[in-house]
Amino acid sequence: PRFAAAFVEGRPCRPREYRRGAAWLT
């Protein structure tokens, strides 16, 4: 939903599958 909302508003947002901050920290 976060990506879809940003897409509708015209703001760039990475899709969920590219958000890996917790994985890199772990």
PDB file of all heavy atoms in Angstrom:
ATOM      1  N   PRO A   1       0.803  -1.227   0.000  1.00  0.00           N
ATOM      2  CA  PRO A   1       0.000   0.000   0.000  1.00  0.00           C
ATOM      3  C   PRO A   1       0.837   1.279   0.000  1.00  0.00           C
ATOM      4  O   PRO A   1       0.433   2.278  -0.580  1.00  0.00           O
ATOM      5  CB  PRO A   1      -0.847  -0.119   1.266  1.00  0.00           C
ATOM      6  CG  PRO A   1      -0.255  -1.201   2.073  1.00  0.00           C
ATOM      7  CD  PRO A   1       0.563  -2.050   1.170  1.00  0.00           C
ATOM      8  N   ARG A   2       2.002   1.247   0.625  1.00  0.00           N
ATOM      9  CA  ARG A   2       2.853   2.447   0.657  1.00  0.00           C
ATOM     10  C   ARG A   2       3.325   2.807  -0.752  1.00  0.00           C
ATOM     11  O   ARG A   2       3.308   3.973  -1.142  1.00  0.00           O
ATOM     12  CB  ARG A   2       4.051   2.179   1.577  1.00  0.00           C
ATOM     13  CG  ARG A   2       5.008   3.315   1.675  1.00  0.00           C
ATOM     14  CD  ARG A   2       6.105   2.975   2.658  1.00  0.00           C
ATOM     15  NE  ARG A   2       7.278   3.762   2.384  1.00  0.00           N
ATOM     16  CZ  ARG A   2       8.482   3.502   2.814  1.00  0.00           C
ATOM     17  NH1 ARG A   2       8.680   2.450   3.568  1.00  0.00           N
ATOM     18  NH2 ARG A   2       9.487   4.255   2.520  1.00  0.00           N
ATOM     19  N   PHE A   3       3.741   1.815  -1.524  1.00  0.00           N
ATOM     20  CA  PHE A   3       4.182   2.065  -2.896  1.00  0.00           C
ATOM     21  C   PHE A   3       3.026   2.545  -3.754  1.00  0.00           C
ATOM     22  O   PHE A   3       3.170   3.467  -4.557  1.00  0.00           O
ATOM     23  CB  PHE A   3       4.803   0.803  -3.489  1.00  0.00           C
ATOM     24  CG  PHE A   3       5.226   0.953  -4.920  1.00  0.00           C
ATOM     25  CD1 PHE A   3       6.362   1.657  -5.243  1.00  0.00           C
ATOM     26  CD2 PHE A   3       4.474   0.393  -5.937  1.00  0.00           C
ATOM     27  CE1 PHE A   3       6.755   1.799  -6.563  1.00  0.00           C
ATOM     28  CE2 PHE A   3       4.853   0.532  -7.253  1.00  0.00           C
ATOM     29  CZ  PHE A   3       5.999   1.240  -7.567  1.00  0.00           C
ATOM     30  N   ALA A   4       1.863   1.918  -3.594  1.00  0.00           N
ATOM     31  CA  ALA A   4       0.698   2.300  -4.400  1.00  0.00           C
ATOM     32  C   ALA A   4       0.280   3.740  -4.110  1.00  0.00           C
ATOM     33  O   ALA A   4      -0.039   4.496  -5.033  1.00  0.00           O
ATOM     34  CB  ALA A   4      -0.456   1.343  -4.131  1.00  0.00           C
ATOM     35  N   ALA A   5       0.288   4.135  -2.832  1.00  0.00           N
ATOM     36  CA  ALA A   5      -0.089   5.510  -2.478  1.00  0.00           C
ATOM     37  C   ALA A   5       0.918   6.513  -3.040  1.00  0.00           C
ATOM     38  O   ALA A   5       0.538   7.559  -3.573  1.00  0.00           O
ATOM     39  CB  ALA A   5      -0.188   5.648  -0.965  1.00  0.00           C
ATOM     40  N   ALA A   6       2.206   6.188  -2.948  1.00  0.00           N
ATOM     41  CA  ALA A   6       3.220   7.091  -3.493  1.00  0.00           C
ATOM     42  C   ALA A   6       3.126   7.166  -5.010  1.00  0.00           C
ATOM     43  O   ALA A   6       3.354   8.222  -5.606  1.00  0.00           O
ATOM     44  CB  ALA A   6       4.614   6.616  -3.072  1.00  0.00           C
ATOM     45  N   PHE A   7       2.775   6.056  -5.647  1.00  0.00           N
ATOM     46  CA  PHE A   7       2.627   6.029  -7.099  1.00  0.00           C
ATOM     47  C   PHE A   7       1.482   6.928  -7.543  1.00  0.00           C
ATOM     48  O   PHE A   7       1.599   7.671  -8.514  1.00  0.00           O
ATOM     49  CB  PHE A   7       2.392   4.582  -7.549  1.00  0.00           C
ATOM     50  CG  PHE A   7       2.454   4.388  -9.029  1.00  0.00           C
ATOM     51  CD1 PHE A   7       3.661   4.399  -9.687  1.00  0.00           C
ATOM     52  CD2 PHE A   7       1.294   4.198  -9.759  1.00  0.00           C
ATOM     53  CE1 PHE A   7       3.723   4.216 -11.055  1.00  0.00           C
ATOM     54  CE2 PHE A   7       1.334   4.015 -11.119  1.00  0.00           C
ATOM     55  CZ  PHE A   7       2.560   4.026 -11.776  1.00  0.00           C
ATOM     56  N   VAL A   8       0.363   6.876  -6.814  1.00  0.00           N
ATOM     57  CA  VAL A   8      -0.794   7.698  -7.158  1.00  0.00           C
ATOM     58  C   VAL A   8      -0.482   9.182  -6.954  1.00  0.00           C
ATOM     59  O   VAL A   8      -0.873  10.025  -7.759  1.00  0.00           O
ATOM     60  CB  VAL A   8      -2.017   7.272  -6.313  1.00  0.00           C
ATOM     61  CG1 VAL A   8      -3.136   8.276  -6.433  1.00  0.00           C
ATOM     62  CG2 VAL A   8      -2.495   5.900  -6.748  1.00  0.00           C
ATOM     63  N   GLU A   9       0.274   9.499  -5.888  1.00  0.00           N
ATOM     64  CA  GLU A   9       0.602  10.897  -5.588  1.00  0.00           C
ATOM     65  C   GLU A   9       1.744  11.429  -6.445  1.00  0.00           C
ATOM     66  O   GLU A   9       2.025  12.618  -6.422  1.00  0.00           O
ATOM     67  CB  GLU A   9       0.975  11.023  -4.113  1.00  0.00           C
ATOM     68  CG  GLU A   9      -0.187  10.752  -3.178  1.00  0.00           C
ATOM     69  CD  GLU A   9       0.246  10.689  -1.727  1.00  0.00           C
ATOM     70  OE1 GLU A   9       1.420  10.979  -1.431  1.00  0.00           O
ATOM     71  OE2 GLU A   9      -0.598  10.354  -0.893  1.00  0.00           O
ATOM     72  N   GLY A  10       2.437  10.544  -7.153  1.00  0.00           N
ATOM     73  CA  GLY A  10       3.534  10.988  -8.002  1.00  0.00           C
ATOM     74  C   GLY A  10       4.849  11.157  -7.266  1.00  0.00           C
ATOM     75  O   GLY A  10       5.776  11.777  -7.793  1.00  0.00           O
ATOM     76  N   ARG A  11       4.935  10.612  -6.036  1.00  0.00           N
ATOM     77  CA  ARG A  11       6.188  10.666  -5.283  1.00  0.00           C
ATOM     78  C   ARG A  11       6.932   9.348  -5.470  1.00  0.00           C
ATOM     79  O   ARG A  11       6.340   8.284  -5.382  1.00  0.00           O
ATOM     80  CB  ARG A  11       5.929  10.845  -3.779  1.00  0.00           C
ATOM     81  CG  ARG A  11       5.328  12.174  -3.413  1.00  0.00           C
ATOM     82  CD  ARG A  11       5.125  12.279  -1.917  1.00  0.00           C
ATOM     83  NE  ARG A  11       4.141  11.279  -1.475  1.00  0.00           N
ATOM     84  CZ  ARG A  11       4.349  10.402  -0.510  1.00  0.00           C
ATOM     85  NH1 ARG A  11       5.484  10.372   0.126  1.00  0.00           N
ATOM     86  NH2 ARG A  11       3.416   9.537  -0.168  1.00  0.00           N
ATOM     87  N   PRO A  12       8.238   9.407  -5.712  1.00  0.00           N
ATOM     88  CA  PRO A  12       8.967   8.147  -5.862  1.00  0.00           C
ATOM     89  C   PRO A  12       9.085   7.410  -4.527  1.00  0.00           C
ATOM     90  O   PRO A  12       9.277   8.020  -3.482  1.00  0.00           O
ATOM     91  CB  PRO A  12      10.349   8.583  -6.364  1.00  0.00           C
ATOM     92  CG  PRO A  12      10.473  10.003  -5.989  1.00  0.00           C
ATOM     93  CD  PRO A  12       9.091  10.572  -5.911  1.00  0.00           C
ATOM     94  N   CYS A  13       8.925   6.111  -4.576  1.00  0.00           N
ATOM     95  CA  CYS A  13       9.042   5.256  -3.396  1.00  0.00           C
ATOM     96  C   CYS A  13       9.463   3.880  -3.888  1.00  0.00           C
ATOM     97  O   CYS A  13       8.888   3.365  -4.835  1.00  0.00           O
ATOM     98  CB  CYS A  13       7.701   5.179  -2.668  1.00  0.00           C
ATOM     99  SG  CYS A  13       7.662   4.025  -1.312  1.00  0.00           S
ATOM    100  N   ARG A  14      10.473   3.308  -3.226  1.00  0.00           N
ATOM    101  CA  ARG A  14      10.916   1.980  -3.653  1.00  0.00           C
ATOM    102  C   ARG A  14       9.870   0.937  -3.282  1.00  0.00           C
ATOM    103  O   ARG A  14       9.282   0.995  -2.208  1.00  0.00           O
ATOM    104  CB  ARG A  14      12.236   1.622  -2.980  1.00  0.00           C
ATOM    105  CG  ARG A  14      13.391   2.391  -3.576  1.00  0.00           C
ATOM    106  CD  ARG A  14      14.682   1.852  -3.098  1.00  0.00           C
ATOM    107  NE  ARG A  14      14.874   2.261  -1.708  1.00  0.00           N
ATOM    108  CZ  ARG A  14      15.903   1.900  -0.985  1.00  0.00           C
ATOM    109  NH1 ARG A  14      16.812   1.108  -1.482  1.00  0.00           N
ATOM    110  NH2 ARG A  14      16.026   2.319   0.246  1.00  0.00           N
ATOM    111  N   PRO A  15       9.651  -0.038  -4.147  1.00  0.00           N
ATOM    112  CA  PRO A  15       8.733  -1.125  -3.807  1.00  0.00           C
ATOM    113  C   PRO A  15       9.242  -1.916  -2.609  1.00  0.00           C
ATOM    114  O   PRO A  15      10.430  -1.897  -2.293  1.00  0.00           O
ATOM    115  CB  PRO A  15       8.719  -2.002  -5.062  1.00  0.00           C
ATOM    116  CG  PRO A  15       9.299  -1.172  -6.147  1.00  0.00           C
ATOM    117  CD  PRO A  15      10.157  -0.155  -5.511  1.00  0.00           C
ATOM    118  N   ARG A  16       8.344  -2.619  -1.950  1.00  0.00           N
ATOM    119  CA  ARG A  16       8.674  -3.364  -0.740  1.00  0.00           C
ATOM    120  C   ARG A  16       9.824  -4.343  -0.957  1.00  0.00           C
ATOM    121  O   ARG A  16      10.660  -4.515  -0.088  1.00  0.00           O
ATOM    122  CB  ARG A  16       7.443  -4.111  -0.247  1.00  0.00           C
ATOM    123  CG  ARG A  16       7.722  -4.988   0.954  1.00  0.00           C
ATOM    124  CD  ARG A  16       6.494  -5.653   1.471  1.00  0.00           C
ATOM    125  NE  ARG A  16       5.637  -4.645   2.067  1.00  0.00           N
ATOM    126  CZ  ARG A  16       4.325  -4.716   2.112  1.00  0.00           C
ATOM    127  NH1 ARG A  16       3.708  -5.739   1.618  1.00  0.00           N
ATOM    128  NH2 ARG A  16       3.618  -3.754   2.665  1.00  0.00           N
ATOM    129  N   GLU A  17       9.866  -4.987  -2.119  1.00  0.00           N
ATOM    130  CA  GLU A  17      10.907  -5.991  -2.322  1.00  0.00           C
ATOM    131  C   GLU A  17      12.307  -5.391  -2.409  1.00  0.00           C
ATOM    132  O   GLU A  17      13.290  -6.113  -2.323  1.00  0.00           O
ATOM    133  CB  GLU A  17      10.629  -6.859  -3.544  1.00  0.00           C
ATOM    134  CG  GLU A  17      10.528  -6.120  -4.845  1.00  0.00           C
ATOM    135  CD  GLU A  17       9.094  -5.801  -5.219  1.00  0.00           C
ATOM    136  OE1 GLU A  17       8.209  -5.889  -4.361  1.00  0.00           O
ATOM    137  OE2 GLU A  17       8.863  -5.462  -6.376  1.00  0.00           O
ATOM    138  N   TYR A  18      12.427  -4.072  -2.554  1.00  0.00           N
ATOM    139  CA  TYR A  18      13.739  -3.431  -2.580  1.00  0.00           C
ATOM    140  C   TYR A  18      14.084  -2.747  -1.262  1.00  0.00           C
ATOM    141  O   TYR A  18      15.169  -2.190  -1.138  1.00  0.00           O
ATOM    142  CB  TYR A  18      13.815  -2.415  -3.720  1.00  0.00           C
ATOM    143  CG  TYR A  18      13.690  -3.054  -5.066  1.00  0.00           C
ATOM    144  CD1 TYR A  18      12.643  -2.723  -5.908  1.00  0.00           C
ATOM    145  CD2 TYR A  18      14.589  -4.016  -5.484  1.00  0.00           C
ATOM    146  CE1 TYR A  18      12.515  -3.326  -7.140  1.00  0.00           C
ATOM    147  CE2 TYR A  18      14.464  -4.626  -6.716  1.00  0.00           C
ATOM    148  CZ  TYR A  18      13.428  -4.271  -7.542  1.00  0.00           C
ATOM    149  OH  TYR A  18      13.294  -4.865  -8.759  1.00  0.00           O
ATOM    150  N   ARG A  19      13.185  -2.756  -0.306  1.00  0.00           N
ATOM    151  CA  ARG A  19      13.473  -2.162   1.010  1.00  0.00           C
ATOM    152  C   ARG A  19      14.032  -3.261   1.899  1.00  0.00           C
ATOM    153  O   ARG A  19      13.312  -4.091   2.411  1.00  0.00           O
ATOM    154  CB  ARG A  19      12.201  -1.585   1.622  1.00  0.00           C
ATOM    155  CG  ARG A  19      11.719  -0.361   0.883  1.00  0.00           C
ATOM    156  CD  ARG A  19      10.503   0.218   1.574  1.00  0.00           C
ATOM    157  NE  ARG A  19       9.420   0.219   0.597  1.00  0.00           N
ATOM    158  CZ  ARG A  19       8.167  -0.071   0.870  1.00  0.00           C
ATOM    159  NH1 ARG A  19       7.808  -0.383   2.087  1.00  0.00           N
ATOM    160  NH2 ARG A  19       7.259  -0.052  -0.068  1.00  0.00           N
ATOM    161  N   ARG A  20      15.328  -3.258   2.078  1.00  0.00           N
ATOM    162  CA  ARG A  20      15.994  -4.333   2.801  1.00  0.00           C
ATOM    163  C   ARG A  20      16.898  -3.824   3.916  1.00  0.00           C
ATOM    164  O   ARG A  20      17.890  -4.456   4.241  1.00  0.00           O
ATOM    165  CB  ARG A  20      16.848  -5.151   1.832  1.00  0.00           C
ATOM    166  CG  ARG A  20      16.106  -5.721   0.672  1.00  0.00           C
ATOM    167  CD  ARG A  20      15.770  -7.154   0.946  1.00  0.00           C
ATOM    168  NE  ARG A  20      15.237  -7.774  -0.244  1.00  0.00           N
ATOM    169  CZ  ARG A  20      14.034  -8.271  -0.303  1.00  0.00           C
ATOM    170  NH1 ARG A  20      13.256  -8.222   0.729  1.00  0.00           N
ATOM    171  NH2 ARG A  20      13.603  -8.826  -1.408  1.00  0.00           N
ATOM    172  N   GLY A  21      16.584  -2.697   4.521  1.00  0.00           N
ATOM    173  CA  GLY A  21      17.440  -2.129   5.561  1.00  0.00           C
ATOM    174  C   GLY A  21      17.639  -3.058   6.741  1.00  0.00           C
ATOM    175  O   GLY A  21      18.760  -3.241   7.230  1.00  0.00           O
ATOM    176  N   ALA A  22      16.570  -3.691   7.223  1.00  0.00           N
ATOM    177  CA  ALA A  22      16.679  -4.592   8.370  1.00  0.00           C
ATOM    178  C   ALA A  22      17.504  -5.822   8.013  1.00  0.00           C
ATOM    179  O   ALA A  22      18.269  -6.335   8.842  1.00  0.00           O
ATOM    180  CB  ALA A  22      15.287  -5.008   8.845  1.00  0.00           C
ATOM    181  N   ALA A  23      17.385  -6.294   6.785  1.00  0.00           N
ATOM    182  CA  ALA A  23      18.151  -7.468   6.371  1.00  0.00           C
ATOM    183  C   ALA A  23      19.641  -7.162   6.326  1.00  0.00           C
ATOM    184  O   ALA A  23      20.465  -7.968   6.782  1.00  0.00           O
ATOM    185  CB  ALA A  23      17.660  -7.946   5.009  1.00  0.00           C
ATOM    186  N   TRP A  24      20.006  -6.001   5.809  1.00  0.00           N
ATOM    187  CA  TRP A  24      21.423  -5.634   5.757  1.00  0.00           C
ATOM    188  C   TRP A  24      21.982  -5.437   7.164  1.00  0.00           C
ATOM    189  O   TRP A  24      23.126  -5.838   7.441  1.00  0.00           O
ATOM    190  CB  TRP A  24      21.635  -4.378   4.918  1.00  0.00           C
ATOM    191  CG  TRP A  24      21.521  -4.634   3.456  1.00  0.00           C
ATOM    192  CD1 TRP A  24      20.523  -4.218   2.629  1.00  0.00           C
ATOM    193  CD2 TRP A  24      22.420  -5.384   2.642  1.00  0.00           C
ATOM    194  NE1 TRP A  24      20.751  -4.669   1.355  1.00  0.00           N
ATOM    195  CE2 TRP A  24      21.907  -5.378   1.327  1.00  0.00           C
ATOM    196  CE3 TRP A  24      23.613  -6.061   2.892  1.00  0.00           C
ATOM    197  CZ2 TRP A  24      22.550  -6.020   0.269  1.00  0.00           C
ATOM    198  CZ3 TRP A  24      24.242  -6.713   1.837  1.00  0.00           C
ATOM    199  CH2 TRP A  24      23.719  -6.683   0.547  1.00  0.00           C
ATOM    200  N   LEU A  25      21.209  -4.827   8.041  1.00  0.00           N
ATOM    201  CA  LEU A  25      21.665  -4.633   9.422  1.00  0.00           C
ATOM    202  C   LEU A  25      21.838  -5.979  10.121  1.00  0.00           C
ATOM    203  O   LEU A  25      22.844  -6.212  10.810  1.00  0.00           O
ATOM    204  CB  LEU A  25      20.669  -3.762  10.188  1.00  0.00           C
ATOM    205  CG  LEU A  25      21.006  -3.494  11.655  1.00  0.00           C
ATOM    206  CD1 LEU A  25      22.305  -2.715  11.773  1.00  0.00           C
ATOM    207  CD2 LEU A  25      19.872  -2.757  12.316  1.00  0.00           C
ATOM    208  N   THR A  26      20.908  -6.892   9.935  1.00  0.00           N
ATOM    209  CA  THR A  26      20.998  -8.218  10.539  1.00  0.00           C
ATOM    210  C   THR A  26      22.201  -8.975   9.990  1.00  0.00           C
ATOM    211  O   THR A  26      22.915  -9.644  10.742  1.00  0.00           O
ATOM    212  CB  THR A  26      19.708  -9.014  10.274  1.00  0.00           C
ATOM    213  OG1 THR A  26      18.589  -8.243  10.710  1.00  0.00           O
ATOM    214  CG2 THR A  26      19.710 -10.335  10.994  1.00  0.00           C
TER     215      THR A  26
END
